[in-house]
Amino acid sequence: MSETTEAPDVLAWTCPLPHRDGSRVVMGHGGGGALSAELVRDVFAPAYGGPALSAMGDSATVELGGTRLAFSTDSFVVRPLFFPGGSIGDLAVNGTVNDLAMSGARPAFLSCGFILEEGVETEVVRRVAEALGGAARTAGVEVVTGDTKVVEAGHGDGVYINTSGIGLIPPGIDLRPQRVVPGDVVIVSGPIGVHGVAVMSVREGLEFGVEIESDCAALAGLVEAMLAVTRDLHVLRDPTRGGLAAALNEIASASGTGVVVQERAVPVPAPVANACAVLGLDPMYVANEGKLVAFVPREHADAVLAAMRAHPLGREAAVIGEAVAAHPGMVVARTGLGGTRVVDLPLGEQLPRIC
């Protein structure tokens, strides 16, 4: 009796890691890592140009009629639409509000564009819209204009959302990575990796013994509390796609300083650490949607940290490292065993479609 085996279809194989095929877009180009940076640098920036764009911040800082404004736009394609702790509607508000807040702005107005797939249930759209409206009210912003488009069935994933926002930057605030200097203290506002693991757990039907909820939240109030201590903060970033590792690498590269992180000081909740250990993920690269990282002059660090811990969204804020003159543009982590490892910019993203 003979046994026959079909030859494997190697053309159908896919690699879980993104690769640099410059002729086509791959999923990694949307991951907030090195591939995303290359796409912006090689395709978009040369086409658009302009000094405001060259800063490459979470939002653009522009002047209009003598007033400094922050302006940002973001698109949200998360799957599933609803997850523990939030929804695509919450993300659409909080993601854009947080980008504005990282410029020190007081977010004020949002636009909202819905791209709907033919066949999606109207009740689903209603739930998303209600979540979005509730998140806007909680964040203290107003949705003032919008747009709706419908694409054919099979050409979308239910609901995609784009939001743009503007906010007023008070006088005396200058938040940008170029202001970072050796000696600055690095503070993170709370436990990392929660959002990415929460979305992945429901998407893949995984159970980790405890429900992990997204940290999705609007951070403008926390930023105001920090700026009330001193307006001399150097830079703020919300570590979304690419996680804390991507945010630190972007700041190190733009500032020309090195960053040293004490690995044991980085707050990682036990359920997140356990999930990442099982799945072979590094929490430093997992997305957050309600956390920020701040580079603060050393003389203000204790007061800023105290103000953060007094705010509901910064109760577990922690000092995790410092900016240094050594190894400019590079982020390294000191491990609990006394060694050192390089925390590089991710190529793509460990968990796609999480925002």
Protein backbone atom coordinates (compact mmCIF):
# COMPACT_ATOMS: atom_id res chain seq x y z
CA MET A 1 0.00 0.00 0.00
CA SER A 2 1.52 3.26 -1.05
CA GLU A 3 0.90 6.65 0.50
CA THR A 4 0.83 9.77 -1.62
CA THR A 5 1.48 13.25 -0.33
CA GLU A 6 0.69 16.43 -2.20
CA ALA A 7 3.59 18.80 -2.68
CA PRO A 8 3.31 21.93 -0.52
CA ASP A 9 2.17 25.08 -2.28
CA VAL A 10 5.17 27.24 -1.48
CA LEU A 11 3.64 30.17 -3.33
CA ALA A 12 0.95 30.32 -0.64
CA TRP A 13 3.43 30.52 2.23
CA THR A 14 3.71 33.81 4.07
CA CYS A 15 6.40 35.10 6.38
CA PRO A 16 5.24 36.46 9.77
CA LEU A 17 7.95 39.11 9.60
CA PRO A 18 7.71 42.10 7.25
CA HIS A 19 10.38 42.41 4.60
CA ARG A 20 11.79 45.31 2.62
CA ASP A 21 10.21 44.86 -0.79
CA GLY A 22 10.27 48.44 -2.01
CA SER A 23 8.00 47.69 -4.96
CA ARG A 24 4.89 46.87 -2.91
CA VAL A 25 3.26 47.89 0.36
CA VAL A 26 3.30 45.21 3.07
CA MET A 27 1.52 45.15 6.45
CA GLY A 28 4.69 46.29 8.16
CA HIS A 29 4.45 49.66 6.42
CA GLY A 30 1.53 50.47 8.72
CA GLY A 31 3.19 49.34 11.92
CA GLY A 32 4.88 52.52 13.11
CA GLY A 33 8.37 51.01 12.85
CA ALA A 34 11.27 51.23 10.41
CA LEU A 35 9.14 50.35 7.38
CA SER A 36 6.65 53.10 8.22
CA ALA A 37 9.48 55.59 8.60
CA GLU A 38 10.92 54.57 5.24
CA LEU A 39 7.54 55.01 3.51
CA VAL A 40 7.16 58.51 4.96
CA ARG A 41 10.77 59.45 4.18
CA ASP A 42 10.93 58.05 0.65
CA VAL A 43 7.38 58.56 -0.65
CA PHE A 44 5.30 61.07 1.29
CA ALA A 45 7.78 63.66 2.59
CA PRO A 46 9.37 64.34 -0.84
CA ALA A 47 5.91 64.73 -2.35
CA TYR A 48 4.58 67.12 0.30
CA GLY A 49 7.60 69.01 1.68
CA GLY A 50 7.24 72.00 3.99
CA PRO A 51 8.80 72.94 7.35
CA ALA A 52 5.78 71.97 9.47
CA LEU A 53 5.85 68.43 8.08
CA SER A 54 9.60 68.06 8.56
CA ALA A 55 9.21 68.04 12.35
CA MET A 56 7.50 64.61 12.04
CA GLY A 57 5.73 64.91 15.39
CA ASP A 58 2.49 63.35 16.59
CA SER A 59 0.83 66.53 15.37
CA ALA A 60 1.91 69.56 13.38
CA THR A 61 2.46 72.91 15.06
CA VAL A 62 1.29 75.75 12.84
CA GLU A 63 0.58 79.47 13.18
CA LEU A 64 -2.65 81.05 11.99
CA GLY A 65 -3.42 84.72 12.59
CA GLY A 66 -0.76 84.91 15.27
CA THR A 67 -2.15 81.91 17.15
CA ARG A 68 -0.22 78.65 17.58
CA LEU A 69 -2.31 75.60 16.77
CA ALA A 70 -1.70 71.88 16.84
CA PHE A 71 -3.26 69.95 13.95
CA SER A 72 -3.38 66.17 13.62
CA THR A 73 -5.13 63.43 11.66
CA ASP A 74 -5.32 59.68 12.19
CA SER A 75 -7.09 56.68 10.69
CA PHE A 76 -8.38 53.70 12.63
CA VAL A 77 -8.76 50.19 11.22
CA VAL A 78 -8.78 48.10 14.40
CA ARG A 79 -10.16 44.59 14.29
CA PRO A 80 -12.42 43.70 16.10
CA LEU A 81 -14.49 46.87 16.30
CA PHE A 82 -15.27 46.28 20.00
CA PHE A 83 -12.79 44.97 22.55
CA PRO A 84 -12.42 44.92 26.35
CA GLY A 85 -12.11 48.50 27.52
CA GLY A 86 -13.12 50.27 24.32
CA SER A 87 -14.03 50.30 20.65
CA ILE A 88 -12.94 51.80 17.37
CA GLY A 89 -15.09 54.82 18.28
CA ASP A 90 -13.17 55.43 21.51
CA LEU A 91 -9.87 55.02 19.69
CA ALA A 92 -10.86 57.47 16.97
CA VAL A 93 -11.33 60.23 19.55
CA ASN A 94 -8.63 59.41 22.06
CA GLY A 95 -5.95 58.71 19.48
CA THR A 96 -6.31 62.12 17.85
CA VAL A 97 -6.83 63.97 21.14
CA ASN A 98 -3.64 62.41 22.48
CA ASP A 99 -1.65 63.37 19.39
CA LEU A 100 -2.70 66.98 19.97
CA ALA A 101 -1.95 66.79 23.68
CA MET A 102 1.60 65.59 22.99
CA SER A 103 2.22 69.04 21.48
CA GLY A 104 1.00 70.64 24.69
CA ALA A 105 -2.22 71.74 22.98
CA ARG A 106 -5.67 71.94 24.48
CA PRO A 107 -7.72 69.83 22.05
CA ALA A 108 -10.88 71.59 20.91
CA PHE A 109 -12.48 70.33 17.67
CA LEU A 110 -12.55 67.10 15.68
CA SER A 111 -13.69 66.05 12.24
CA CYS A 112 -14.85 62.49 11.70
CA GLY A 113 -14.95 60.43 8.49
CA PHE A 114 -16.66 57.01 8.40
CA ILE A 115 -15.81 54.49 5.67
CA LEU A 116 -18.47 51.77 5.84
CA GLU A 117 -18.53 48.41 4.13
CA GLU A 118 -21.72 47.54 2.28
CA GLY A 119 -23.71 45.11 4.41
CA VAL A 120 -22.50 46.21 7.83
CA GLU A 121 -25.39 46.32 10.29
CA THR A 122 -26.76 49.79 10.99
CA GLU A 123 -26.89 48.94 14.70
CA VAL A 124 -23.13 48.32 14.67
CA VAL A 125 -22.57 51.72 13.09
CA ARG A 126 -24.87 53.27 15.70
CA ARG A 127 -22.92 51.67 18.56
CA VAL A 128 -19.62 52.92 17.14
CA ALA A 129 -21.01 56.44 16.66
CA GLU A 130 -22.39 56.53 20.19
CA ALA A 131 -19.05 55.37 21.60
CA LEU A 132 -17.28 58.04 19.57
CA GLY A 133 -19.65 60.76 20.78
CA GLY A 134 -19.30 59.67 24.38
CA ALA A 135 -15.52 59.63 24.16
CA ALA A 136 -15.56 63.15 22.66
CA ARG A 137 -17.68 64.46 25.51
CA THR A 138 -15.42 62.81 28.07
CA ALA A 139 -12.35 64.34 26.40
CA GLY A 140 -13.95 67.79 26.29
CA VAL A 141 -13.83 68.11 22.51
CA GLU A 142 -16.56 68.65 19.94
CA VAL A 143 -17.08 66.80 16.65
CA VAL A 144 -17.94 69.66 14.29
CA THR A 145 -17.80 68.16 10.79
CA GLY A 146 -17.59 64.80 9.06
CA ASP A 147 -18.05 62.63 6.01
CA THR A 148 -19.38 59.18 5.15
CA LYS A 149 -18.41 56.85 2.31
CA VAL A 150 -19.57 53.30 1.53
CA VAL A 151 -17.42 50.72 -0.27
CA GLU A 152 -18.58 47.46 -1.86
CA ALA A 153 -18.93 44.33 0.25
CA GLY A 154 -15.57 42.60 0.56
CA HIS A 155 -13.61 45.83 0.11
CA GLY A 156 -13.56 46.89 3.75
CA ASP A 157 -13.81 45.45 7.23
CA GLY A 158 -17.10 46.81 8.50
CA VAL A 159 -16.08 50.26 9.72
CA TYR A 160 -12.97 52.39 9.25
CA ILE A 161 -12.74 55.86 10.79
CA ASN A 162 -10.57 58.90 10.17
CA THR A 163 -10.48 61.76 12.67
CA SER A 164 -8.65 65.08 12.44
CA GLY A 165 -8.33 67.55 15.26
CA ILE A 166 -7.13 71.01 16.17
CA GLY A 167 -6.15 72.50 19.49
CA LEU A 168 -4.68 75.68 20.91
CA ILE A 169 -1.07 75.67 22.16
CA PRO A 170 -0.67 78.03 25.15
CA PRO A 171 2.26 80.49 25.09
CA GLY A 172 5.60 79.30 26.40
CA ILE A 173 5.18 75.61 25.49
CA ASP A 174 7.74 74.04 23.17
CA LEU A 175 7.54 70.26 23.11
CA ARG A 176 9.75 68.56 20.53
CA PRO A 177 12.45 65.89 20.58
CA GLN A 178 15.17 68.34 19.51
CA ARG A 179 14.98 69.85 23.01
CA VAL A 180 16.06 66.62 24.71
CA VAL A 181 19.51 66.84 26.35
CA PRO A 182 21.67 64.36 28.26
CA GLY A 183 20.49 64.15 31.84
CA ASP A 184 16.79 64.38 31.03
CA VAL A 185 14.70 61.93 33.06
CA VAL A 186 12.42 59.52 31.17
CA ILE A 187 9.01 58.97 32.77
CA VAL A 188 6.22 56.67 31.58
CA SER A 189 2.71 57.38 32.83
CA GLY A 190 1.77 53.80 33.68
CA PRO A 191 1.82 50.10 32.77
CA ILE A 192 2.59 49.35 29.12
CA GLY A 193 1.38 46.80 26.57
CA VAL A 194 -2.21 46.62 27.81
CA HIS A 195 -4.05 47.78 24.68
CA GLY A 196 -2.28 45.52 22.22
CA VAL A 197 -2.76 42.41 24.35
CA ALA A 198 -6.42 43.28 25.03
CA VAL A 199 -7.20 43.54 21.31
CA MET A 200 -5.23 40.43 20.44
CA SER A 201 -6.93 38.36 23.14
CA VAL A 202 -10.41 38.87 21.70
CA ARG A 203 -9.28 38.79 18.06
CA GLU A 204 -7.60 35.41 18.44
CA GLY A 205 -9.92 34.00 21.13
CA LEU A 206 -7.09 33.66 23.63
CA GLU A 207 -7.60 33.37 27.38
CA PHE A 208 -4.96 34.31 29.91
CA GLY A 209 -6.86 33.57 33.12
CA VAL A 210 -7.94 37.19 33.57
CA GLU A 211 -9.60 39.65 31.23
CA ILE A 212 -7.17 42.32 30.03
CA GLU A 213 -8.81 45.66 29.25
CA SER A 214 -7.45 48.30 26.90
CA ASP A 215 -5.98 51.42 28.49
CA CYS A 216 -7.69 53.61 25.86
CA ALA A 217 -8.07 57.11 27.34
CA ALA A 218 -7.70 60.80 26.52
CA LEU A 219 -4.50 62.20 28.06
CA ALA A 220 -5.04 65.95 27.69
CA GLY A 221 -5.93 66.37 31.36
CA LEU A 222 -2.81 64.53 32.48
CA VAL A 223 -0.66 66.70 30.22
CA GLU A 224 -2.23 69.85 31.65
CA ALA A 225 -1.39 68.65 35.17
CA MET A 226 2.23 68.13 34.12
CA LEU A 227 2.47 71.52 32.42
CA ALA A 228 1.02 73.16 35.54
CA VAL A 229 4.23 72.11 37.32
CA THR A 230 6.49 73.48 34.60
CA ARG A 231 6.15 74.43 30.97
CA ASP A 232 9.76 73.38 30.49
CA LEU A 233 8.93 69.79 29.57
CA HIS A 234 11.11 68.75 26.65
CA VAL A 235 9.06 66.19 24.74
CA LEU A 236 5.96 64.02 25.15
CA ARG A 237 4.94 61.02 23.07
CA ASP A 238 2.10 58.52 23.28
CA PRO A 239 3.64 55.12 22.48
CA THR A 240 0.98 53.64 20.21
CA ARG A 241 2.09 51.60 17.17
CA GLY A 242 5.50 50.09 17.82
CA GLY A 243 5.03 50.60 21.54
CA LEU A 244 7.42 52.23 23.98
CA ALA A 245 10.42 51.00 22.00
CA ALA A 246 9.39 52.87 18.84
CA ALA A 247 8.65 56.11 20.73
CA LEU A 248 12.01 56.07 22.52
CA ASN A 249 13.89 55.33 19.29
CA GLU A 250 12.16 58.16 17.45
CA ILE A 251 13.07 60.60 20.22
CA ALA A 252 16.67 59.37 20.45
CA SER A 253 17.12 59.66 16.69
CA ALA A 254 15.59 63.14 16.42
CA SER A 255 17.45 64.51 19.45
CA GLY A 256 20.84 62.94 18.74
CA THR A 257 21.05 61.63 22.30
CA GLY A 258 21.21 58.12 23.65
CA VAL A 259 18.57 56.66 25.95
CA VAL A 260 19.20 54.20 28.77
CA VAL A 261 16.19 52.34 30.18
CA GLN A 262 16.23 50.32 33.39
CA GLU A 263 14.32 47.24 32.27
CA ARG A 264 13.02 46.36 35.73
CA ALA A 265 11.67 49.90 36.19
CA VAL A 266 9.37 49.63 33.17
CA PRO A 267 5.88 48.84 34.54
CA VAL A 268 4.44 45.74 32.84
CA PRO A 269 1.28 44.21 34.38
CA ALA A 270 1.64 40.53 35.22
CA PRO A 271 -1.14 39.41 32.80
CA VAL A 272 0.55 41.32 29.96
CA ALA A 273 3.96 39.90 30.87
CA ASN A 274 2.53 36.37 30.99
CA ALA A 275 0.70 36.75 27.68
CA CYS A 276 3.80 38.14 25.98
CA ALA A 277 5.93 35.31 27.40
CA VAL A 278 3.55 32.70 26.03
CA LEU A 279 3.37 34.35 22.60
CA GLY A 280 7.02 35.32 22.29
CA LEU A 281 6.33 39.06 22.31
CA ASP A 282 8.28 41.89 23.93
CA PRO A 283 6.00 44.26 25.93
CA MET A 284 8.26 47.16 24.94
CA TYR A 285 6.96 46.81 21.37
CA VAL A 286 3.26 46.32 22.16
CA ALA A 287 0.92 49.26 21.50
CA ASN A 288 -0.65 51.49 24.14
CA GLU A 289 -3.59 53.87 23.76
CA GLY A 290 -3.68 55.60 27.14
CA LYS A 291 -0.06 56.10 28.12
CA LEU A 292 2.59 58.73 27.48
CA VAL A 293 6.36 58.93 27.81
CA ALA A 294 7.97 62.21 28.88
CA PHE A 295 11.52 63.54 28.80
CA VAL A 296 11.76 65.99 31.69
CA PRO A 297 14.65 68.18 32.89
CA ARG A 298 16.13 66.51 35.96
CA GLU A 299 15.43 69.48 38.24
CA HIS A 300 11.68 69.18 37.54
CA ALA A 301 11.40 65.39 37.44
CA ASP A 302 10.28 64.76 41.04
CA ALA A 303 7.58 67.44 40.93
CA VAL A 304 6.29 66.31 37.53
CA LEU A 305 6.20 62.68 38.69
CA ALA A 306 4.23 63.67 41.80
CA ALA A 307 1.72 65.61 39.67
CA MET A 308 1.31 62.63 37.36
CA ARG A 309 0.69 60.25 40.25
CA ALA A 310 -1.96 62.62 41.62
CA HIS A 311 -3.92 62.33 38.36
CA PRO A 312 -6.18 59.29 37.72
CA LEU A 313 -4.39 58.46 34.46
CA GLY A 314 -0.91 58.70 35.98
CA ARG A 315 -1.28 56.92 39.32
CA GLU A 316 1.32 54.30 38.35
CA ALA A 317 3.75 56.68 36.62
CA ALA A 318 7.38 55.63 36.94
CA VAL A 319 10.87 56.85 36.13
CA ILE A 320 12.33 54.32 33.70
CA GLY A 321 15.60 55.85 32.48
CA GLU A 322 17.45 58.90 31.23
CA ALA A 323 18.87 60.57 28.15
CA VAL A 324 22.66 60.24 27.84
CA ALA A 325 25.46 61.59 25.68
CA ALA A 326 26.76 58.09 24.89
CA HIS A 327 25.56 56.06 21.87
CA PRO A 328 23.58 58.94 20.24
CA GLY A 329 20.40 57.86 18.49
CA MET A 330 20.39 54.47 20.23
CA VAL A 331 18.18 53.07 22.99
CA VAL A 332 19.61 50.44 25.34
CA ALA A 333 18.06 48.61 28.27
CA ARG A 334 19.88 47.57 31.41
CA THR A 335 18.61 44.12 32.30
CA GLY A 336 17.93 42.77 35.75
CA LEU A 337 21.01 40.54 35.43
CA GLY A 338 23.30 43.52 34.90
CA GLY A 339 23.65 43.15 31.16
CA THR A 340 22.72 45.57 28.41
CA ARG A 341 20.65 44.99 25.29
CA VAL A 342 19.85 47.24 22.36
CA VAL A 343 16.17 48.19 22.05
CA ASP A 344 15.98 48.78 18.31
CA LEU A 345 13.26 50.37 16.22
CA PRO A 346 10.92 47.55 15.18
CA LEU A 347 10.80 46.75 11.47
CA GLY A 348 7.03 46.54 11.39
CA GLU A 349 4.65 45.67 14.18
CA GLN A 350 4.22 42.54 16.29
CA LEU A 351 0.42 42.98 16.37
CA PRO A 352 -1.13 44.62 13.26
CA ARG A 353 -4.57 46.26 13.15
CA ILE A 354 -4.63 47.27 16.83
CA CYS A 355 -5.62 50.90 16.20
